[in-house]
């Protein structure tokens, strides 16, 4: 399998190691700022956690040629290594117009395939940009039942403002879309052309979100009404 180290005219993208521990605090600051801007409940990461991922060789870091931090992502394993998630993709706002996110995404995917060649690689997201990046790598949209059922993974959703929607649907669906790359079941020689169906998929995604939010608000309204009468 090809090396995960790549270089462009501006950036070096490579597996993180002990020489990159100095960036851990800055990475966590970017995570916190990104969560605030998007209004989502991204699980909080600590510098110690980021350093541990670097020490284990389970992270990709991108640096500008002048040494500035540019981006990061890491690997998490679930269900005894049978499932792998490429998590924590972050890009320094200074460099977000350079398609750096897709390059880091590709590098962490390749690193995952090297370390866990038989594992299913998965993720959940509401971002159309991430959906497109995943589809280019061979992921397919799937129902949540095809993802890891490890409780520790789903605990990561507790800080999300949509967690109630997930629990009310018994973890079967939420506003996020599940995506999966399964090397044992599929041989992805050609990326799933999500772009050809993007407008249709976006409409479906918006409809799903509308229906789930409407149902959730209706349930909440009923619950509040009952509570006020007791």
C-alpha atoms as a PDB file:
ATOM      1  CA  UNK A   1       0.000   0.000   0.000  1.00  0.00           C
ATOM      2  CA  UNK A   2       1.265   3.494  -0.831  1.00  0.00           C
ATOM      3  CA  UNK A   3       2.874   5.687   1.789  1.00  0.00           C
ATOM      4  CA  UNK A   4       0.589   8.089   3.588  1.00  0.00           C
ATOM      5  CA  UNK A   5       3.167  10.862   3.414  1.00  0.00           C
ATOM      6  CA  UNK A   6       2.429  13.437   0.720  1.00  0.00           C
ATOM      7  CA  UNK A   7       3.715  16.892  -0.071  1.00  0.00           C
ATOM      8  CA  UNK A   8       2.342  19.761  -2.099  1.00  0.00           C
ATOM      9  CA  UNK A   9       3.867  23.115  -2.899  1.00  0.00           C
ATOM     10  CA  UNK A  10       2.544  24.417   0.423  1.00  0.00           C
ATOM     11  CA  UNK A  11       1.831  21.494   2.748  1.00  0.00           C
ATOM     12  CA  UNK A  12       3.373  18.322   4.134  1.00  0.00           C
ATOM     13  CA  UNK A  13       0.791  15.686   5.113  1.00  0.00           C
ATOM     14  CA  UNK A  14       2.134  12.733   7.086  1.00  0.00           C
ATOM     15  CA  UNK A  15       1.542  10.395  10.041  1.00  0.00           C
ATOM     16  CA  UNK A  16       1.981  12.312  13.283  1.00  0.00           C
ATOM     17  CA  UNK A  17       4.650  11.270  15.797  1.00  0.00           C
ATOM     18  CA  UNK A  18       6.438  12.564  18.897  1.00  0.00           C
ATOM     19  CA  UNK A  19       7.899  15.479  16.963  1.00  0.00           C
ATOM     20  CA  UNK A  20       4.357  16.866  16.633  1.00  0.00           C
ATOM     21  CA  UNK A  21       3.355  16.805  20.320  1.00  0.00           C
ATOM     22  CA  UNK A  22       3.938  20.571  20.391  1.00  0.00           C
ATOM     23  CA  UNK A  23       0.817  21.081  18.233  1.00  0.00           C
ATOM     24  CA  UNK A  24      -1.592  19.222  20.552  1.00  0.00           C
ATOM     25  CA  UNK A  25      -2.889  22.263  22.436  1.00  0.00           C
ATOM     26  CA  UNK A  26      -3.375  24.260  19.240  1.00  0.00           C
ATOM     27  CA  UNK A  27      -5.290  21.361  17.688  1.00  0.00           C
ATOM     28  CA  UNK A  28      -7.659  21.261  20.675  1.00  0.00           C
ATOM     29  CA  UNK A  29      -8.239  25.011  20.409  1.00  0.00           C
ATOM     30  CA  UNK A  30      -9.270  24.538  16.769  1.00  0.00           C
ATOM     31  CA  UNK A  31     -11.663  21.744  17.781  1.00  0.00           C
ATOM     32  CA  UNK A  32     -13.310  24.000  20.348  1.00  0.00           C
ATOM     33  CA  UNK A  33     -13.618  26.938  17.959  1.00  0.00           C
ATOM     34  CA  UNK A  34     -15.034  24.731  15.204  1.00  0.00           C
ATOM     35  CA  UNK A  35     -17.677  23.331  17.555  1.00  0.00           C
ATOM     36  CA  UNK A  36     -18.730  26.860  18.555  1.00  0.00           C
ATOM     37  CA  UNK A  37     -18.977  28.043  14.953  1.00  0.00           C
ATOM     38  CA  UNK A  38     -21.014  25.053  13.781  1.00  0.00           C
ATOM     39  CA  UNK A  39     -23.174  24.925  16.891  1.00  0.00           C
ATOM     40  CA  UNK A  40     -22.674  21.182  17.209  1.00  0.00           C
ATOM     41  CA  UNK A  41     -21.806  19.186  20.280  1.00  0.00           C
ATOM     42  CA  UNK A  42     -18.476  17.782  19.136  1.00  0.00           C
ATOM     43  CA  UNK A  43     -16.918  15.642  21.839  1.00  0.00           C
ATOM     44  CA  UNK A  44     -14.229  17.577  23.644  1.00  0.00           C
ATOM     45  CA  UNK A  45     -10.654  16.454  23.032  1.00  0.00           C
ATOM     46  CA  UNK A  46      -7.772  17.069  25.389  1.00  0.00           C
ATOM     47  CA  UNK A  47      -4.117  17.634  24.455  1.00  0.00           C
ATOM     48  CA  UNK A  48      -3.321  14.380  26.263  1.00  0.00           C
ATOM     49  CA  UNK A  49      -5.762  12.468  24.060  1.00  0.00           C
ATOM     50  CA  UNK A  50      -4.339  14.019  20.882  1.00  0.00           C
ATOM     51  CA  UNK A  51      -0.772  13.213  22.002  1.00  0.00           C
ATOM     52  CA  UNK A  52      -1.747   9.613  22.684  1.00  0.00           C
ATOM     53  CA  UNK A  53      -3.082   9.258  19.136  1.00  0.00           C
ATOM     54  CA  UNK A  54       0.200  10.649  17.804  1.00  0.00           C
ATOM     55  CA  UNK A  55       2.215   8.310  20.030  1.00  0.00           C
ATOM     56  CA  UNK A  56       0.223   5.294  18.775  1.00  0.00           C
ATOM     57  CA  UNK A  57       0.787   6.253  15.144  1.00  0.00           C
ATOM     58  CA  UNK A  58      -2.954   6.703  14.642  1.00  0.00           C
ATOM     59  CA  UNK A  59      -3.051  10.283  13.407  1.00  0.00           C
ATOM     60  CA  UNK A  60      -2.348  12.353  10.314  1.00  0.00           C
ATOM     61  CA  UNK A  61      -1.054  15.906  10.584  1.00  0.00           C
ATOM     62  CA  UNK A  62      -0.711  18.562   7.911  1.00  0.00           C
ATOM     63  CA  UNK A  63       1.827  21.356   8.269  1.00  0.00           C
ATOM     64  CA  UNK A  64       2.495  24.374   6.133  1.00  0.00           C
ATOM     65  CA  UNK A  65       5.983  24.533   4.692  1.00  0.00           C
ATOM     66  CA  UNK A  66       6.804  27.278   7.207  1.00  0.00           C
ATOM     67  CA  UNK A  67       5.849  24.987  10.129  1.00  0.00           C
ATOM     68  CA  UNK A  68       2.387  26.355  10.868  1.00  0.00           C
ATOM     69  CA  UNK A  69      -0.266  23.831  11.858  1.00  0.00           C
ATOM     70  CA  UNK A  70      -2.637  23.200   8.934  1.00  0.00           C
ATOM     71  CA  UNK A  71      -4.810  20.175   9.713  1.00  0.00           C
ATOM     72  CA  UNK A  72      -5.296  16.942  11.638  1.00  0.00           C
ATOM     73  CA  UNK A  73      -7.314  13.720  11.860  1.00  0.00           C
ATOM     74  CA  UNK A  74      -7.019  10.509  13.855  1.00  0.00           C
ATOM     75  CA  UNK A  75      -8.130   6.888  14.007  1.00  0.00           C
ATOM     76  CA  UNK A  76     -10.484   5.365  16.566  1.00  0.00           C
ATOM     77  CA  UNK A  77     -11.219   1.640  16.773  1.00  0.00           C
ATOM     78  CA  UNK A  78     -14.441  -0.017  17.924  1.00  0.00           C
ATOM     79  CA  UNK A  79     -15.829  -3.522  18.418  1.00  0.00           C
ATOM     80  CA  UNK A  80     -12.384  -5.050  19.016  1.00  0.00           C
ATOM     81  CA  UNK A  81     -10.893  -3.456  15.916  1.00  0.00           C
ATOM     82  CA  UNK A  82     -13.591  -4.695  13.545  1.00  0.00           C
ATOM     83  CA  UNK A  83     -14.730  -1.118  12.962  1.00  0.00           C
ATOM     84  CA  UNK A  84     -12.580   1.959  12.419  1.00  0.00           C
ATOM     85  CA  UNK A  85     -13.642   5.606  12.439  1.00  0.00           C
ATOM     86  CA  UNK A  86     -11.599   8.421  10.944  1.00  0.00           C
ATOM     87  CA  UNK A  87     -12.368  11.131  13.469  1.00  0.00           C
ATOM     88  CA  UNK A  88     -11.555  14.696  14.371  1.00  0.00           C
ATOM     89  CA  UNK A  89     -10.904  16.064  10.885  1.00  0.00           C
ATOM     90  CA  UNK A  90      -9.922  19.695  11.401  1.00  0.00           C
ATOM     91  CA  UNK A  91      -8.379  22.287   9.087  1.00  0.00           C
ATOM     92  CA  UNK A  92      -6.829  25.553  10.201  1.00  0.00           C
ATOM     93  CA  UNK A  93      -9.207  28.283   8.935  1.00  0.00           C
ATOM     94  CA  UNK A  94      -6.247  29.999   7.256  1.00  0.00           C
ATOM     95  CA  UNK A  95      -5.971  27.087   4.828  1.00  0.00           C
ATOM     96  CA  UNK A  96      -9.565  26.019   4.215  1.00  0.00           C
ATOM     97  CA  UNK A  97      -9.615  27.150   0.585  1.00  0.00           C
ATOM     98  CA  UNK A  98      -6.839  24.745  -0.419  1.00  0.00           C
ATOM     99  CA  UNK A  99      -8.876  21.485  -0.537  1.00  0.00           C
ATOM    100  CA  UNK A 100      -6.690  20.401   2.344  1.00  0.00           C
ATOM    101  CA  UNK A 101      -9.547  18.618   4.108  1.00  0.00           C
ATOM    102  CA  UNK A 102      -9.950  16.085   1.299  1.00  0.00           C
ATOM    103  CA  UNK A 103      -6.183  15.440   1.233  1.00  0.00           C
ATOM    104  CA  UNK A 104      -6.101  14.772   4.990  1.00  0.00           C
ATOM    105  CA  UNK A 105      -9.216  12.612   4.671  1.00  0.00           C
ATOM    106  CA  UNK A 106      -7.523  10.507   2.002  1.00  0.00           C
ATOM    107  CA  UNK A 107      -4.331  10.187   4.059  1.00  0.00           C
ATOM    108  CA  UNK A 108      -6.121   9.056   7.253  1.00  0.00           C
ATOM    109  CA  UNK A 109      -8.179   6.594   5.191  1.00  0.00           C
ATOM    110  CA  UNK A 110      -4.997   5.104   3.702  1.00  0.00           C
ATOM    111  CA  UNK A 111      -3.409   4.911   7.158  1.00  0.00           C
ATOM    112  CA  UNK A 112      -6.509   3.102   8.444  1.00  0.00           C
ATOM    113  CA  UNK A 113      -6.329   0.608   5.594  1.00  0.00           C
ATOM    114  CA  UNK A 114      -2.657  -0.043   6.373  1.00  0.00           C
ATOM    115  CA  UNK A 115      -3.214  -0.595  10.081  1.00  0.00           C
ATOM    116  CA  UNK A 116      -6.578  -2.359   9.901  1.00  0.00           C
ATOM    117  CA  UNK A 117      -6.895  -3.906   6.406  1.00  0.00           C
ATOM    118  CA  UNK A 118      -9.920  -6.039   7.340  1.00  0.00           C
ATOM    119  CA  UNK A 119     -11.806  -3.437   9.353  1.00  0.00           C
ATOM    120  CA  UNK A 120     -14.942  -1.658   8.234  1.00  0.00           C
ATOM    121  CA  UNK A 121     -14.324   2.086   8.092  1.00  0.00           C
ATOM    122  CA  UNK A 122     -17.330   4.207   8.927  1.00  0.00           C
ATOM    123  CA  UNK A 123     -18.568   7.617   9.947  1.00  0.00           C
ATOM    124  CA  UNK A 124     -21.711   9.647  10.591  1.00  0.00           C
ATOM    125  CA  UNK A 125     -22.096  13.198   9.371  1.00  0.00           C
ATOM    126  CA  UNK A 126     -24.523  15.936   8.363  1.00  0.00           C
ATOM    127  CA  UNK A 127     -21.930  17.624   6.120  1.00  0.00           C
ATOM    128  CA  UNK A 128     -22.421  17.339   2.373  1.00  0.00           C
ATOM    129  CA  UNK A 129     -18.706  18.093   1.917  1.00  0.00           C
ATOM    130  CA  UNK A 130     -17.769  15.096   4.093  1.00  0.00           C
ATOM    131  CA  UNK A 131     -20.322  12.920   2.299  1.00  0.00           C
ATOM    132  CA  UNK A 132     -18.648  13.753  -1.008  1.00  0.00           C
ATOM    133  CA  UNK A 133     -15.159  13.131   0.366  1.00  0.00           C
ATOM    134  CA  UNK A 134     -16.255   9.776   1.772  1.00  0.00           C
ATOM    135  CA  UNK A 135     -17.928   8.721  -1.450  1.00  0.00           C
ATOM    136  CA  UNK A 136     -14.735   9.475  -3.385  1.00  0.00           C
ATOM    137  CA  UNK A 137     -12.964   6.968  -1.128  1.00  0.00           C
ATOM    138  CA  UNK A 138     -15.565   4.243  -1.694  1.00  0.00           C
ATOM    139  CA  UNK A 139     -17.898   4.706   1.275  1.00  0.00           C
ATOM    140  CA  UNK A 140     -21.616   4.031   0.798  1.00  0.00           C
ATOM    141  CA  UNK A 141     -24.578   5.512   2.697  1.00  0.00           C
ATOM    142  CA  UNK A 142     -25.933   2.869   5.109  1.00  0.00           C
ATOM    143  CA  UNK A 143     -28.453   2.505   7.907  1.00  0.00           C
ATOM    144  CA  UNK A 144     -27.127   2.806  11.456  1.00  0.00           C
ATOM    145  CA  UNK A 145     -27.594  -0.924  12.082  1.00  0.00           C
ATOM    146  CA  UNK A 146     -24.626  -1.580   9.744  1.00  0.00           C
ATOM    147  CA  UNK A 147     -22.329   0.550  11.913  1.00  0.00           C
ATOM    148  CA  UNK A 148     -20.641  -0.450  15.153  1.00  0.00           C
ATOM    149  CA  UNK A 149     -23.039  -1.053  18.002  1.00  0.00           C
ATOM    150  CA  UNK A 150     -20.328  -0.349  20.570  1.00  0.00           C
ATOM    151  CA  UNK A 151     -21.934   1.794  23.280  1.00  0.00           C
ATOM    152  CA  UNK A 152     -18.701   3.729  23.738  1.00  0.00           C
ATOM    153  CA  UNK A 153     -18.953   5.081  20.197  1.00  0.00           C
ATOM    154  CA  UNK A 154     -22.518   6.251  20.625  1.00  0.00           C
ATOM    155  CA  UNK A 155     -21.669   7.904  23.928  1.00  0.00           C
ATOM    156  CA  UNK A 156     -19.741  10.376  21.810  1.00  0.00           C
ATOM    157  CA  UNK A 157     -23.096  11.670  20.569  1.00  0.00           C
ATOM    158  CA  UNK A 158     -24.324  12.660  24.032  1.00  0.00           C
ATOM    159  CA  UNK A 159     -22.950  16.195  23.704  1.00  0.00           C
ATOM    160  CA  UNK A 160     -24.726  16.709  20.366  1.00  0.00           C
ATOM    161  CA  UNK A 161     -27.904  18.857  20.499  1.00  0.00           C
ATOM    162  CA  UNK A 162     -29.658  16.177  18.426  1.00  0.00           C
ATOM    163  CA  UNK A 163     -28.914  13.349  20.871  1.00  0.00           C
ATOM    164  CA  UNK A 164     -32.567  13.151  21.957  1.00  0.00           C
ATOM    165  CA  UNK A 165     -33.574  12.455  18.358  1.00  0.00           C
ATOM    166  CA  UNK A 166     -31.082   9.597  18.195  1.00  0.00           C
ATOM    167  CA  UNK A 167     -32.257   8.022  21.449  1.00  0.00           C
ATOM    168  CA  UNK A 168     -35.967   8.419  20.629  1.00  0.00           C
ATOM    169  CA  UNK A 169     -35.301   6.439  17.435  1.00  0.00           C
ATOM    170  CA  UNK A 170     -33.429   3.710  19.378  1.00  0.00           C
ATOM    171  CA  UNK A 171     -30.193   4.623  17.583  1.00  0.00           C
ATOM    172  CA  UNK A 172     -31.701   3.590  14.244  1.00  0.00           C
ATOM    173  CA  UNK A 173     -31.586   7.045  12.665  1.00  0.00           C
ATOM    174  CA  UNK A 174     -30.840  10.681  13.330  1.00  0.00           C
ATOM    175  CA  UNK A 175     -30.090  13.842  11.360  1.00  0.00           C
ATOM    176  CA  UNK A 176     -26.677  12.370  10.538  1.00  0.00           C
ATOM    177  CA  UNK A 177     -26.121   9.998   7.633  1.00  0.00           C
ATOM    178  CA  UNK A 178     -24.112   6.832   8.215  1.00  0.00           C
ATOM    179  CA  UNK A 179     -21.424   5.897   5.684  1.00  0.00           C
ATOM    180  CA  UNK A 180     -19.404   2.687   5.467  1.00  0.00           C
ATOM    181  CA  UNK A 181     -16.438   1.229   3.609  1.00  0.00           C
ATOM    182  CA  UNK A 182     -16.442  -2.573   3.934  1.00  0.00           C
ATOM    183  CA  UNK A 183     -13.379  -4.205   2.313  1.00  0.00           C
ATOM    184  CA  UNK A 184     -14.742  -7.735   2.841  1.00  0.00           C
ATOM    185  CA  UNK A 185     -18.048  -7.099   1.124  1.00  0.00           C
ATOM    186  CA  UNK A 186     -17.223  -4.595  -1.593  1.00  0.00           C
ATOM    187  CA  UNK A 187     -14.429  -4.096  -4.037  1.00  0.00           C
ATOM    188  CA  UNK A 188     -14.653  -0.405  -4.758  1.00  0.00           C
ATOM    189  CA  UNK A 189     -12.936   0.045  -8.089  1.00  0.00           C
ATOM    190  CA  UNK A 190     -15.087   3.031  -8.937  1.00  0.00           C
ATOM    191  CA  UNK A 191     -16.180   5.725  -6.468  1.00  0.00           C
ATOM    192  CA  UNK A 192     -19.885   5.995  -5.802  1.00  0.00           C
ATOM    193  CA  UNK A 193     -20.944   8.936  -7.961  1.00  0.00           C
ATOM    194  CA  UNK A 194     -22.721  10.935  -5.305  1.00  0.00           C
ATOM    195  CA  UNK A 195     -22.237  14.108  -7.337  1.00  0.00           C
ATOM    196  CA  UNK A 196     -24.484  12.779 -10.099  1.00  0.00           C
ATOM    197  CA  UNK A 197     -27.247  12.338  -7.542  1.00  0.00           C
ATOM    198  CA  UNK A 198     -26.320  15.221  -5.253  1.00  0.00           C
ATOM    199  CA  UNK A 199     -29.463  17.312  -5.679  1.00  0.00           C
ATOM    200  CA  UNK A 200     -31.653  14.233  -5.153  1.00  0.00           C
ATOM    201  CA  UNK A 201     -29.624  13.179  -2.120  1.00  0.00           C
ATOM    202  CA  UNK A 202     -29.703  16.678  -0.643  1.00  0.00           C
ATOM    203  CA  UNK A 203     -33.482  16.770  -1.012  1.00  0.00           C
ATOM    204  CA  UNK A 204     -33.768  13.382   0.681  1.00  0.00           C
ATOM    205  CA  UNK A 205     -31.454  14.485   3.487  1.00  0.00           C
ATOM    206  CA  UNK A 206     -33.395  17.689   4.078  1.00  0.00           C
ATOM    207  CA  UNK A 207     -36.679  15.790   4.036  1.00  0.00           C
ATOM    208  CA  UNK A 208     -35.340  13.277   6.566  1.00  0.00           C
ATOM    209  CA  UNK A 209     -34.166  16.089   8.815  1.00  0.00           C
ATOM    210  CA  UNK A 210     -37.505  17.903   8.455  1.00  0.00           C
ATOM    211  CA  UNK A 211     -39.541  14.789   9.306  1.00  0.00           C
ATOM    212  CA  UNK A 212     -37.384  13.841  12.287  1.00  0.00           C
ATOM    213  CA  UNK A 213     -37.315  17.375  13.683  1.00  0.00           C
ATOM    214  CA  UNK A 214     -41.087  17.742  13.217  1.00  0.00           C
ATOM    215  CA  UNK A 215     -41.714  14.430  14.988  1.00  0.00           C
ATOM    216  CA  UNK A 216     -39.279  15.314  17.766  1.00  0.00           C
ATOM    217  CA  UNK A 217     -40.860  18.732  18.352  1.00  0.00           C
ATOM    218  CA  UNK A 218     -44.320  17.219  18.304  1.00  0.00           C
ATOM    219  CA  UNK A 219     -43.300  14.633  20.897  1.00  0.00           C
ATOM    220  CA  UNK A 220     -41.710  17.306  23.047  1.00  0.00           C
ATOM    221  CA  UNK A 221     -44.809  19.469  22.823  1.00  0.00           C
ATOM    222  CA  UNK A 222     -46.957  16.560  23.992  1.00  0.00           C
ATOM    223  CA  UNK A 223     -44.605  15.763  26.824  1.00  0.00           C
ATOM    224  CA  UNK A 224     -44.545  19.385  27.962  1.00  0.00           C
ATOM    225  CA  UNK A 225     -48.335  19.515  27.884  1.00  0.00           C
ATOM    226  CA  UNK A 226     -48.603  16.428  30.050  1.00  0.00           C
ATOM    227  CA  UNK A 227     -46.012  17.740  32.464  1.00  0.00           C
ATOM    228  CA  UNK A 228     -47.805  21.055  32.909  1.00  0.00           C
ATOM    229  CA  UNK A 229     -51.022  19.273  33.854  1.00  0.00           C
ATOM    230  CA  UNK A 230     -49.454  17.123  36.530  1.00  0.00           C
END
